[in-house]
N, C-alpha and C. Protein backbone atom coordinates (compact mmCIF):
# COMPACT_ATOMS: atom_id res chain seq x y z
N MET A 1 -159.36 120.44 21.75
CA MET A 1 -159.19 120.16 23.16
C MET A 1 -157.78 119.60 23.41
N LYS A 2 -157.36 118.62 22.55
CA LYS A 2 -156.03 118.03 22.71
C LYS A 2 -154.95 119.10 22.57
N ARG A 3 -155.16 119.96 21.60
CA ARG A 3 -154.18 121.00 21.34
C ARG A 3 -154.07 121.96 22.53
N ASN A 4 -155.19 122.36 23.10
CA ASN A 4 -155.20 123.24 24.28
C ASN A 4 -154.53 122.58 25.47
N LEU A 5 -154.79 121.31 25.66
CA LEU A 5 -154.19 120.56 26.77
C LEU A 5 -152.67 120.49 26.59
N LEU A 6 -152.22 120.20 25.37
CA LEU A 6 -150.79 120.13 25.08
C LEU A 6 -150.12 121.49 25.31
N THR A 7 -150.78 122.57 24.86
CA THR A 7 -150.26 123.92 25.07
C THR A 7 -150.14 124.23 26.57
N ALA A 8 -151.15 123.86 27.34
CA ALA A 8 -151.14 124.10 28.79
C ALA A 8 -150.01 123.32 29.47
N VAL A 9 -149.82 122.07 29.09
CA VAL A 9 -148.76 121.26 29.67
C VAL A 9 -147.39 121.82 29.32
N LEU A 10 -147.17 122.19 28.05
CA LEU A 10 -145.90 122.76 27.62
C LEU A 10 -145.62 124.10 28.30
N MET A 11 -146.66 124.93 28.47
CA MET A 11 -146.48 126.21 29.17
C MET A 11 -146.12 125.99 30.64
N THR A 12 -146.74 125.00 31.26
CA THR A 12 -146.43 124.68 32.65
C THR A 12 -144.98 124.24 32.79
N ILE A 13 -144.54 123.38 31.90
CA ILE A 13 -143.15 122.91 31.93
C ILE A 13 -142.19 124.07 31.68
N ALA A 14 -142.50 124.89 30.67
CA ALA A 14 -141.61 126.01 30.32
C ALA A 14 -141.52 127.02 31.46
N THR A 15 -142.65 127.39 32.04
CA THR A 15 -142.62 128.38 33.12
C THR A 15 -141.99 127.81 34.40
N THR A 16 -142.17 126.51 34.63
CA THR A 16 -141.53 125.88 35.79
C THR A 16 -140.01 125.92 35.64
N ILE A 17 -139.52 125.60 34.46
CA ILE A 17 -138.07 125.63 34.21
C ILE A 17 -137.54 127.07 34.29
N LEU A 18 -138.28 128.00 33.67
CA LEU A 18 -137.84 129.39 33.63
C LEU A 18 -137.88 130.04 35.02
N PHE A 19 -139.03 129.96 35.70
CA PHE A 19 -139.20 130.67 36.97
C PHE A 19 -138.89 129.83 38.21
N GLY A 20 -138.82 128.52 38.05
CA GLY A 20 -138.53 127.66 39.19
C GLY A 20 -137.08 127.22 39.26
N ILE A 21 -136.37 127.32 38.13
CA ILE A 21 -134.97 126.87 38.12
C ILE A 21 -134.04 127.98 37.63
N ILE A 22 -134.24 128.46 36.41
CA ILE A 22 -133.31 129.43 35.82
C ILE A 22 -133.30 130.76 36.59
N TYR A 23 -134.48 131.33 36.84
CA TYR A 23 -134.54 132.62 37.54
C TYR A 23 -133.93 132.55 38.94
N PRO A 24 -134.28 131.57 39.80
CA PRO A 24 -133.65 131.50 41.13
C PRO A 24 -132.12 131.33 41.06
N LEU A 25 -131.64 130.52 40.12
CA LEU A 25 -130.19 130.34 39.98
C LEU A 25 -129.51 131.64 39.55
N LEU A 26 -130.14 132.36 38.64
CA LEU A 26 -129.60 133.63 38.16
C LEU A 26 -129.54 134.66 39.30
N VAL A 27 -130.63 134.80 40.05
CA VAL A 27 -130.67 135.76 41.15
C VAL A 27 -129.67 135.38 42.25
N THR A 28 -129.59 134.09 42.56
CA THR A 28 -128.63 133.62 43.57
C THR A 28 -127.20 133.89 43.12
N GLY A 29 -126.91 133.64 41.85
CA GLY A 29 -125.57 133.89 41.32
C GLY A 29 -125.19 135.36 41.37
N ILE A 30 -126.13 136.23 41.01
CA ILE A 30 -125.87 137.68 41.06
C ILE A 30 -125.65 138.12 42.50
N ALA A 31 -126.49 137.62 43.42
CA ALA A 31 -126.35 137.99 44.83
C ALA A 31 -125.00 137.53 45.38
N GLN A 32 -124.59 136.31 45.04
CA GLN A 32 -123.30 135.81 45.52
C GLN A 32 -122.14 136.60 44.92
N ALA A 33 -122.27 137.01 43.68
CA ALA A 33 -121.18 137.75 43.02
C ALA A 33 -121.07 139.19 43.53
N LEU A 34 -122.21 139.84 43.73
CA LEU A 34 -122.19 141.26 44.09
C LEU A 34 -122.30 141.54 45.59
N PHE A 35 -123.03 140.69 46.32
CA PHE A 35 -123.30 140.94 47.74
C PHE A 35 -123.10 139.67 48.55
N SER A 36 -121.96 139.05 48.43
CA SER A 36 -121.73 137.74 49.04
C SER A 36 -121.99 137.72 50.55
N ALA A 37 -121.46 138.68 51.28
CA ALA A 37 -121.64 138.68 52.75
C ALA A 37 -123.11 138.82 53.11
N LYS A 38 -123.81 139.73 52.45
CA LYS A 38 -125.24 139.92 52.74
C LYS A 38 -126.06 138.71 52.33
N ALA A 39 -125.73 138.12 51.19
CA ALA A 39 -126.48 136.96 50.72
C ALA A 39 -126.29 135.74 51.63
N ASN A 40 -125.20 135.73 52.36
CA ASN A 40 -124.91 134.59 53.25
C ASN A 40 -125.20 134.88 54.72
N GLY A 41 -125.98 135.92 55.00
CA GLY A 41 -126.43 136.17 56.36
C GLY A 41 -125.56 137.07 57.20
N GLN A 42 -124.60 137.75 56.62
CA GLN A 42 -123.70 138.66 57.32
C GLN A 42 -123.15 138.03 58.61
N LEU A 43 -122.58 136.85 58.44
CA LEU A 43 -122.03 136.12 59.57
C LEU A 43 -120.78 136.80 60.11
N ILE A 44 -120.64 136.79 61.42
CA ILE A 44 -119.47 137.38 62.08
C ILE A 44 -118.60 136.23 62.56
N GLN A 45 -117.35 136.23 62.15
CA GLN A 45 -116.43 135.17 62.54
C GLN A 45 -115.26 135.75 63.32
N ILE A 46 -114.83 135.01 64.33
CA ILE A 46 -113.64 135.37 65.11
C ILE A 46 -112.78 134.12 65.19
N ASP A 47 -111.55 134.26 64.76
CA ASP A 47 -110.60 133.14 64.75
C ASP A 47 -111.17 131.92 64.02
N GLY A 48 -111.87 132.16 62.90
CA GLY A 48 -112.42 131.08 62.10
C GLY A 48 -113.70 130.46 62.65
N LYS A 49 -114.20 130.98 63.75
CA LYS A 49 -115.42 130.43 64.36
C LYS A 49 -116.56 131.44 64.21
N THR A 50 -117.70 130.97 63.72
CA THR A 50 -118.86 131.84 63.58
C THR A 50 -119.47 132.08 64.95
N VAL A 51 -119.59 133.37 65.33
CA VAL A 51 -120.14 133.71 66.64
C VAL A 51 -121.53 134.32 66.56
N GLY A 52 -122.00 134.59 65.34
CA GLY A 52 -123.33 135.16 65.19
C GLY A 52 -123.48 135.83 63.84
N SER A 53 -124.58 136.56 63.72
CA SER A 53 -124.89 137.29 62.51
C SER A 53 -125.18 138.74 62.86
N ALA A 54 -124.75 139.65 62.01
CA ALA A 54 -125.00 141.06 62.25
C ALA A 54 -126.46 141.42 62.07
N ILE A 55 -127.25 140.54 61.46
CA ILE A 55 -128.66 140.86 61.20
C ILE A 55 -129.64 139.99 61.98
N ILE A 56 -129.13 139.13 62.86
CA ILE A 56 -130.00 138.29 63.69
C ILE A 56 -129.61 138.49 65.15
N GLY A 57 -130.57 138.92 65.95
CA GLY A 57 -130.30 139.17 67.36
C GLY A 57 -130.05 137.88 68.12
N GLN A 58 -129.37 138.01 69.23
CA GLN A 58 -129.17 136.88 70.13
C GLN A 58 -129.19 137.41 71.56
N GLY A 59 -129.48 136.51 72.48
CA GLY A 59 -129.63 136.93 73.86
C GLY A 59 -128.32 137.01 74.62
N PHE A 60 -128.24 137.98 75.49
CA PHE A 60 -127.10 138.14 76.39
C PHE A 60 -127.67 138.33 77.78
N SER A 61 -127.34 137.43 78.69
CA SER A 61 -127.93 137.52 80.03
C SER A 61 -126.92 137.93 81.09
N GLY A 62 -125.64 137.78 80.82
CA GLY A 62 -124.63 138.12 81.82
C GLY A 62 -124.62 139.61 82.13
N PRO A 63 -124.36 140.00 83.38
CA PRO A 63 -124.36 141.42 83.74
C PRO A 63 -123.26 142.22 83.07
N GLY A 64 -122.23 141.57 82.54
CA GLY A 64 -121.14 142.26 81.89
C GLY A 64 -121.37 142.51 80.41
N TYR A 65 -122.59 142.26 79.94
CA TYR A 65 -122.91 142.45 78.52
C TYR A 65 -124.11 143.38 78.37
N PHE A 66 -124.13 144.08 77.26
CA PHE A 66 -125.32 144.84 76.89
C PHE A 66 -126.38 143.82 76.46
N ARG A 67 -127.60 144.02 76.89
CA ARG A 67 -128.67 143.07 76.60
C ARG A 67 -129.46 143.52 75.38
N SER A 68 -129.93 142.52 74.64
CA SER A 68 -130.75 142.77 73.46
C SER A 68 -132.20 142.97 73.87
N ARG A 69 -133.02 143.24 72.88
CA ARG A 69 -134.47 143.28 73.11
C ARG A 69 -134.94 141.88 73.49
N PRO A 70 -136.01 141.76 74.26
CA PRO A 70 -136.56 140.43 74.52
C PRO A 70 -137.00 139.79 73.21
N SER A 71 -137.02 138.47 73.16
CA SER A 71 -137.39 137.76 71.94
C SER A 71 -138.60 136.86 72.17
N SER A 72 -139.49 136.88 71.18
CA SER A 72 -140.64 135.98 71.19
C SER A 72 -140.51 134.92 70.10
N ALA A 73 -139.35 134.82 69.51
CA ALA A 73 -139.13 133.88 68.40
C ALA A 73 -138.81 132.50 68.95
N GLY A 74 -139.73 131.57 68.78
CA GLY A 74 -139.51 130.21 69.27
C GLY A 74 -139.25 130.22 70.75
N ASN A 75 -138.14 129.62 71.16
CA ASN A 75 -137.73 129.64 72.56
C ASN A 75 -136.82 130.83 72.86
N GLY A 76 -136.84 131.80 71.98
CA GLY A 76 -136.02 133.00 72.15
C GLY A 76 -134.88 133.04 71.17
N TYR A 77 -134.85 134.08 70.35
CA TYR A 77 -133.79 134.32 69.37
C TYR A 77 -133.62 133.15 68.40
N ASP A 78 -134.71 132.51 68.04
CA ASP A 78 -134.70 131.36 67.13
C ASP A 78 -134.94 131.87 65.71
N ALA A 79 -133.86 131.97 64.94
CA ALA A 79 -133.97 132.52 63.58
C ALA A 79 -134.83 131.67 62.66
N ALA A 80 -135.00 130.40 62.99
CA ALA A 80 -135.85 129.53 62.17
C ALA A 80 -137.32 129.68 62.53
N ASN A 81 -137.63 130.45 63.56
CA ASN A 81 -139.01 130.59 64.03
C ASN A 81 -139.28 132.04 64.39
N THR A 82 -138.94 132.96 63.48
CA THR A 82 -139.10 134.38 63.78
C THR A 82 -140.57 134.74 63.88
N ASN A 83 -140.87 135.56 64.90
CA ASN A 83 -142.25 135.96 65.12
C ASN A 83 -142.29 136.88 66.32
N GLY A 84 -143.25 137.77 66.32
CA GLY A 84 -143.52 138.57 67.51
C GLY A 84 -144.34 137.72 68.47
N SER A 85 -144.72 138.29 69.58
CA SER A 85 -145.45 137.52 70.59
C SER A 85 -146.89 137.23 70.18
N GLN A 86 -147.45 138.04 69.30
CA GLN A 86 -148.84 137.94 68.87
C GLN A 86 -149.81 138.22 70.01
N LEU A 87 -149.34 138.80 71.10
CA LEU A 87 -150.19 139.16 72.22
C LEU A 87 -150.54 140.64 72.09
N GLY A 88 -151.82 140.95 72.24
CA GLY A 88 -152.28 142.32 72.14
C GLY A 88 -151.92 143.13 73.38
N PRO A 89 -152.02 144.46 73.30
CA PRO A 89 -151.60 145.31 74.40
C PRO A 89 -152.43 145.13 75.68
N THR A 90 -153.59 144.53 75.59
CA THR A 90 -154.41 144.30 76.79
C THR A 90 -154.29 142.87 77.31
N ASN A 91 -153.46 142.06 76.68
CA ASN A 91 -153.29 140.67 77.11
C ASN A 91 -152.54 140.64 78.44
N GLN A 92 -153.11 139.97 79.43
CA GLN A 92 -152.54 139.97 80.77
C GLN A 92 -151.16 139.31 80.82
N LYS A 93 -150.95 138.28 79.99
CA LYS A 93 -149.65 137.61 79.96
C LYS A 93 -148.56 138.58 79.51
N LEU A 94 -148.85 139.38 78.49
CA LEU A 94 -147.89 140.38 78.01
C LEU A 94 -147.68 141.46 79.06
N ILE A 95 -148.74 141.93 79.66
CA ILE A 95 -148.64 142.98 80.68
C ILE A 95 -147.77 142.50 81.84
N ASP A 96 -147.99 141.26 82.30
CA ASP A 96 -147.22 140.72 83.41
C ASP A 96 -145.74 140.56 83.05
N ARG A 97 -145.46 140.09 81.81
CA ARG A 97 -144.07 139.93 81.40
C ARG A 97 -143.36 141.27 81.33
N VAL A 98 -144.03 142.28 80.75
CA VAL A 98 -143.41 143.60 80.63
C VAL A 98 -143.19 144.21 82.02
N LYS A 99 -144.17 144.07 82.92
CA LYS A 99 -144.01 144.59 84.29
C LYS A 99 -142.82 143.93 84.98
N GLY A 100 -142.67 142.63 84.80
CA GLY A 100 -141.53 141.91 85.38
C GLY A 100 -140.21 142.38 84.81
N ASP A 101 -140.17 142.58 83.48
CA ASP A 101 -138.95 143.06 82.84
C ASP A 101 -138.62 144.49 83.29
N VAL A 102 -139.63 145.31 83.45
CA VAL A 102 -139.41 146.69 83.93
C VAL A 102 -138.85 146.66 85.35
N ALA A 103 -139.44 145.83 86.20
CA ALA A 103 -138.96 145.73 87.59
C ALA A 103 -137.51 145.27 87.65
N THR A 104 -137.16 144.30 86.81
CA THR A 104 -135.78 143.81 86.76
C THR A 104 -134.83 144.91 86.29
N ALA A 105 -135.22 145.62 85.25
CA ALA A 105 -134.38 146.70 84.71
C ALA A 105 -134.25 147.85 85.71
N GLU A 106 -135.34 148.16 86.41
CA GLU A 106 -135.31 149.26 87.38
C GLU A 106 -134.43 148.95 88.58
N SER A 107 -134.19 147.66 88.85
CA SER A 107 -133.33 147.32 89.99
C SER A 107 -131.91 147.85 89.78
N ASP A 108 -131.48 147.97 88.53
CA ASP A 108 -130.18 148.57 88.22
C ASP A 108 -130.20 150.09 88.32
N HIS A 109 -131.36 150.69 88.01
CA HIS A 109 -131.50 152.15 87.95
C HIS A 109 -132.81 152.59 88.58
N PRO A 110 -132.94 152.56 89.88
CA PRO A 110 -134.20 152.97 90.51
C PRO A 110 -134.58 154.40 90.13
N GLY A 111 -135.84 154.58 89.81
CA GLY A 111 -136.35 155.91 89.49
C GLY A 111 -136.06 156.39 88.09
N THR A 112 -135.39 155.59 87.28
CA THR A 112 -135.07 155.97 85.90
C THR A 112 -136.03 155.26 84.95
N ALA A 113 -136.56 156.00 83.99
CA ALA A 113 -137.47 155.39 83.02
C ALA A 113 -136.73 154.35 82.18
N VAL A 114 -137.36 153.18 82.01
CA VAL A 114 -136.76 152.09 81.25
C VAL A 114 -137.09 152.27 79.77
N PRO A 115 -136.08 152.27 78.89
CA PRO A 115 -136.36 152.38 77.45
C PRO A 115 -137.27 151.23 76.99
N ILE A 116 -138.24 151.56 76.19
CA ILE A 116 -139.28 150.60 75.78
C ILE A 116 -138.70 149.38 75.07
N ASP A 117 -137.61 149.55 74.32
CA ASP A 117 -137.08 148.41 73.57
C ASP A 117 -136.36 147.40 74.46
N LEU A 118 -136.15 147.70 75.73
CA LEU A 118 -135.57 146.70 76.64
C LEU A 118 -136.62 145.79 77.25
N VAL A 119 -137.91 146.14 77.05
CA VAL A 119 -138.98 145.32 77.64
C VAL A 119 -140.01 144.84 76.64
N THR A 120 -139.87 145.22 75.38
CA THR A 120 -140.80 144.76 74.34
C THR A 120 -140.02 144.11 73.21
N SER A 121 -140.57 143.05 72.67
CA SER A 121 -139.89 142.36 71.56
C SER A 121 -140.25 143.04 70.24
N SER A 122 -139.44 142.79 69.24
CA SER A 122 -139.70 143.33 67.91
C SER A 122 -140.68 142.42 67.18
N ALA A 123 -141.13 142.84 66.02
CA ALA A 123 -142.08 142.04 65.24
C ALA A 123 -141.47 140.72 64.80
N SER A 124 -140.17 140.70 64.54
CA SER A 124 -139.52 139.46 64.10
C SER A 124 -139.08 138.61 65.28
N GLY A 125 -138.85 139.24 66.42
CA GLY A 125 -138.35 138.52 67.58
C GLY A 125 -136.84 138.35 67.57
N VAL A 126 -136.18 138.76 66.51
CA VAL A 126 -134.72 138.61 66.42
C VAL A 126 -134.04 139.90 65.95
N ASP A 127 -134.59 141.04 66.34
CA ASP A 127 -133.99 142.33 65.98
C ASP A 127 -132.62 142.43 66.65
N PRO A 128 -131.56 142.67 65.87
CA PRO A 128 -130.21 142.72 66.46
C PRO A 128 -129.85 144.06 67.10
N HIS A 129 -130.76 145.03 67.03
CA HIS A 129 -130.44 146.38 67.48
C HIS A 129 -131.23 146.80 68.72
N ILE A 130 -130.65 147.74 69.45
CA ILE A 130 -131.35 148.48 70.49
C ILE A 130 -131.13 149.96 70.22
N THR A 131 -131.89 150.79 70.87
CA THR A 131 -131.71 152.23 70.70
C THR A 131 -130.50 152.70 71.49
N PRO A 132 -129.92 153.83 71.11
CA PRO A 132 -128.83 154.39 71.92
C PRO A 132 -129.27 154.63 73.38
N ALA A 133 -130.55 154.99 73.58
CA ALA A 133 -131.05 155.20 74.95
C ALA A 133 -131.01 153.90 75.75
N ALA A 134 -131.32 152.77 75.10
CA ALA A 134 -131.27 151.47 75.79
C ALA A 134 -129.84 151.09 76.14
N ALA A 135 -128.90 151.42 75.27
CA ALA A 135 -127.48 151.16 75.57
C ALA A 135 -127.02 152.07 76.71
N GLU A 136 -127.41 153.33 76.67
CA GLU A 136 -127.06 154.29 77.73
C GLU A 136 -127.59 153.82 79.07
N PHE A 137 -128.80 153.29 79.09
CA PHE A 137 -129.43 152.80 80.32
C PHE A 137 -128.60 151.69 80.97
N GLN A 138 -127.91 150.91 80.16
CA GLN A 138 -127.15 149.76 80.66
C GLN A 138 -125.69 150.07 80.98
N LEU A 139 -125.25 151.28 80.70
CA LEU A 139 -123.83 151.62 80.83
C LEU A 139 -123.26 151.36 82.23
N SER A 140 -123.93 151.81 83.27
CA SER A 140 -123.34 151.70 84.61
C SER A 140 -123.20 150.25 85.04
N ARG A 141 -124.19 149.40 84.72
CA ARG A 141 -124.10 147.98 85.07
C ARG A 141 -122.91 147.32 84.36
N VAL A 142 -122.79 147.55 83.06
CA VAL A 142 -121.71 146.93 82.28
C VAL A 142 -120.36 147.48 82.74
N ALA A 143 -120.27 148.79 82.98
CA ALA A 143 -119.02 149.40 83.43
C ALA A 143 -118.57 148.79 84.76
N LYS A 144 -119.50 148.61 85.66
CA LYS A 144 -119.18 148.03 86.97
C LYS A 144 -118.63 146.61 86.81
N GLU A 145 -119.27 145.80 85.98
CA GLU A 145 -118.85 144.41 85.77
C GLU A 145 -117.51 144.32 85.05
N ARG A 146 -117.25 145.27 84.16
CA ARG A 146 -116.03 145.24 83.35
C ARG A 146 -114.87 146.00 83.99
N GLY A 147 -115.15 146.73 85.05
CA GLY A 147 -114.09 147.53 85.66
C GLY A 147 -113.65 148.67 84.76
N ALA A 148 -114.59 149.22 84.03
CA ALA A 148 -114.30 150.32 83.11
C ALA A 148 -115.11 151.55 83.53
N THR A 149 -114.75 152.70 83.00
CA THR A 149 -115.51 153.90 83.30
C THR A 149 -116.70 154.00 82.37
N VAL A 150 -117.74 154.66 82.84
CA VAL A 150 -118.93 154.86 82.02
C VAL A 150 -118.58 155.66 80.77
N ASP A 151 -117.70 156.64 80.91
CA ASP A 151 -117.34 157.47 79.75
C ASP A 151 -116.64 156.65 78.66
N ARG A 152 -115.79 155.71 79.06
CA ARG A 152 -115.11 154.88 78.05
C ARG A 152 -116.12 153.98 77.34
N LEU A 153 -117.06 153.45 78.09
CA LEU A 153 -118.08 152.60 77.46
C LEU A 153 -119.04 153.43 76.61
N ARG A 154 -119.31 154.64 77.03
CA ARG A 154 -120.17 155.53 76.24
C ARG A 154 -119.52 155.80 74.87
N ALA A 155 -118.20 155.97 74.86
CA ALA A 155 -117.48 156.18 73.59
C ALA A 155 -117.58 154.92 72.72
N LEU A 156 -117.53 153.75 73.34
CA LEU A 156 -117.66 152.49 72.59
C LEU A 156 -119.06 152.37 71.98
N VAL A 157 -120.08 152.75 72.76
CA VAL A 157 -121.46 152.73 72.25
C VAL A 157 -121.58 153.70 71.08
N ALA A 158 -121.00 154.88 71.22
CA ALA A 158 -121.07 155.88 70.14
C ALA A 158 -120.41 155.35 68.87
N LYS A 159 -119.33 154.61 69.04
CA LYS A 159 -118.64 154.02 67.89
C LYS A 159 -119.54 153.02 67.15
N HIS A 160 -120.41 152.34 67.88
CA HIS A 160 -121.28 151.32 67.28
C HIS A 160 -122.69 151.82 66.99
N THR A 161 -122.92 153.11 67.16
CA THR A 161 -124.24 153.67 66.87
C THR A 161 -124.34 154.01 65.39
N GLU A 162 -125.33 153.44 64.75
CA GLU A 162 -125.59 153.70 63.33
C GLU A 162 -126.70 154.73 63.24
N GLY A 163 -126.55 155.69 62.34
CA GLY A 163 -127.58 156.72 62.16
C GLY A 163 -128.74 156.22 61.31
N ARG A 164 -129.63 157.11 61.01
CA ARG A 164 -130.77 156.77 60.15
C ARG A 164 -130.27 156.40 58.76
N GLN A 165 -130.97 155.48 58.12
CA GLN A 165 -130.60 155.11 56.76
C GLN A 165 -130.94 156.26 55.83
N LEU A 166 -129.99 156.60 54.98
CA LEU A 166 -130.11 157.73 54.05
C LEU A 166 -130.41 159.04 54.77
N GLY A 167 -130.15 159.09 56.06
CA GLY A 167 -130.37 160.29 56.84
C GLY A 167 -131.81 160.56 57.24
N ILE A 168 -132.77 159.77 56.73
CA ILE A 168 -134.18 160.05 57.03
C ILE A 168 -135.00 158.81 57.44
N LEU A 169 -134.51 157.62 57.13
CA LEU A 169 -135.30 156.41 57.38
C LEU A 169 -134.91 155.75 58.69
N GLY A 170 -135.91 155.37 59.47
CA GLY A 170 -135.67 154.66 60.71
C GLY A 170 -135.13 155.57 61.80
N GLU A 171 -134.54 154.96 62.80
CA GLU A 171 -133.98 155.68 63.94
C GLU A 171 -132.54 155.23 64.16
N ALA A 172 -131.83 155.97 64.96
CA ALA A 172 -130.46 155.57 65.32
C ALA A 172 -130.54 154.25 66.08
N ARG A 173 -129.52 153.40 65.92
CA ARG A 173 -129.57 152.07 66.52
C ARG A 173 -128.16 151.58 66.82
N VAL A 174 -128.09 150.59 67.72
CA VAL A 174 -126.81 150.01 68.12
C VAL A 174 -126.92 148.50 67.93
N ASN A 175 -125.99 147.89 67.19
CA ASN A 175 -125.98 146.44 67.01
C ASN A 175 -125.38 145.82 68.26
N VAL A 176 -126.18 145.05 68.99
CA VAL A 176 -125.77 144.54 70.30
C VAL A 176 -124.63 143.52 70.18
N LEU A 177 -124.69 142.61 69.22
CA LEU A 177 -123.63 141.62 69.07
C LEU A 177 -122.30 142.29 68.77
N GLU A 178 -122.29 143.20 67.81
CA GLU A 178 -121.04 143.87 67.46
C GLU A 178 -120.50 144.68 68.63
N LEU A 179 -121.39 145.34 69.38
CA LEU A 179 -120.97 146.09 70.55
C LEU A 179 -120.36 145.16 71.61
N ASN A 180 -121.01 144.03 71.87
CA ASN A 180 -120.50 143.11 72.88
C ASN A 180 -119.19 142.44 72.46
N LEU A 181 -119.03 142.18 71.18
CA LEU A 181 -117.76 141.62 70.70
C LEU A 181 -116.62 142.61 70.91
N ASP A 182 -116.88 143.88 70.58
CA ASP A 182 -115.87 144.91 70.79
C ASP A 182 -115.61 145.11 72.29
N LEU A 183 -116.65 144.98 73.09
CA LEU A 183 -116.52 145.06 74.54
C LEU A 183 -115.57 143.98 75.06
N ASP A 184 -115.73 142.75 74.55
CA ASP A 184 -114.84 141.65 74.95
C ASP A 184 -113.39 141.92 74.53
N GLN A 185 -113.21 142.58 73.39
CA GLN A 185 -111.85 142.89 72.93
C GLN A 185 -111.20 143.98 73.78
N GLN A 186 -111.95 145.03 74.07
CA GLN A 186 -111.36 146.18 74.76
C GLN A 186 -111.40 146.08 76.29
N PHE A 187 -112.40 145.40 76.82
CA PHE A 187 -112.54 145.27 78.27
C PHE A 187 -112.83 143.82 78.62
N PRO A 188 -111.86 142.92 78.45
CA PRO A 188 -112.13 141.50 78.61
C PRO A 188 -112.48 141.11 80.05
N MET A 189 -113.35 140.09 80.12
CA MET A 189 -113.68 139.47 81.41
C MET A 189 -113.02 138.11 81.41
N ASN A 190 -113.32 137.28 82.40
CA ASN A 190 -112.74 135.93 82.40
C ASN A 190 -113.25 135.13 81.21
N LYS A 191 -112.56 134.09 80.82
CA LYS A 191 -112.86 133.30 79.62
C LYS A 191 -114.26 132.69 79.65
N LYS A 192 -114.76 132.26 80.81
CA LYS A 192 -116.08 131.61 80.89
C LYS A 192 -117.18 132.53 80.44
N ALA A 193 -117.04 133.83 80.69
CA ALA A 193 -118.10 134.78 80.38
C ALA A 193 -118.06 135.27 78.95
N SER A 194 -116.99 134.98 78.23
CA SER A 194 -116.82 135.51 76.89
C SER A 194 -117.83 134.93 75.89
N ILE A 195 -118.14 135.71 74.85
CA ILE A 195 -119.07 135.27 73.80
C ILE A 195 -118.53 134.06 73.07
N ARG A 196 -117.25 134.05 72.84
CA ARG A 196 -116.66 132.97 72.07
C ARG A 196 -116.77 131.69 72.84
């Protein structure tokens, strides 16, 4: 019995050291050496200031910006509290919110179908992407606010449109933060409205 207990204690200590300390340090070291930007959250910096992450969505409410998907994460776009709404498709609270978002979006484009990703949140609540159709839907509003032509903004959206991964996985998508940062560079508004 003593021998079995000693073996169990030694195995616990050995596996704790191996899998609780050595393995995490090894994996972290490899990730930092080979994929430093990805391992550190793909942070985007401008003039030495971090303005966001390429993999975490954030909200844009100004009319001169492309808007992200709605967020159900914490109080909205809270990376420490990622989550979908957890409301089912028949939940009245969800139905009312989506109807309100559709009505708001339709005010910019009466009679035009609203892309679903502009009124529904993702499973994480912090998806940084929208579909090209959602970006196209917002073109005229952003162009009007920026004093730019729709065609010039359409070219900017095309520049930021990523295709399917490996040509077959997922759908085409547009990173909203990267698009809005480029928008500020090419079609600047007054300083108060800027992302920075």
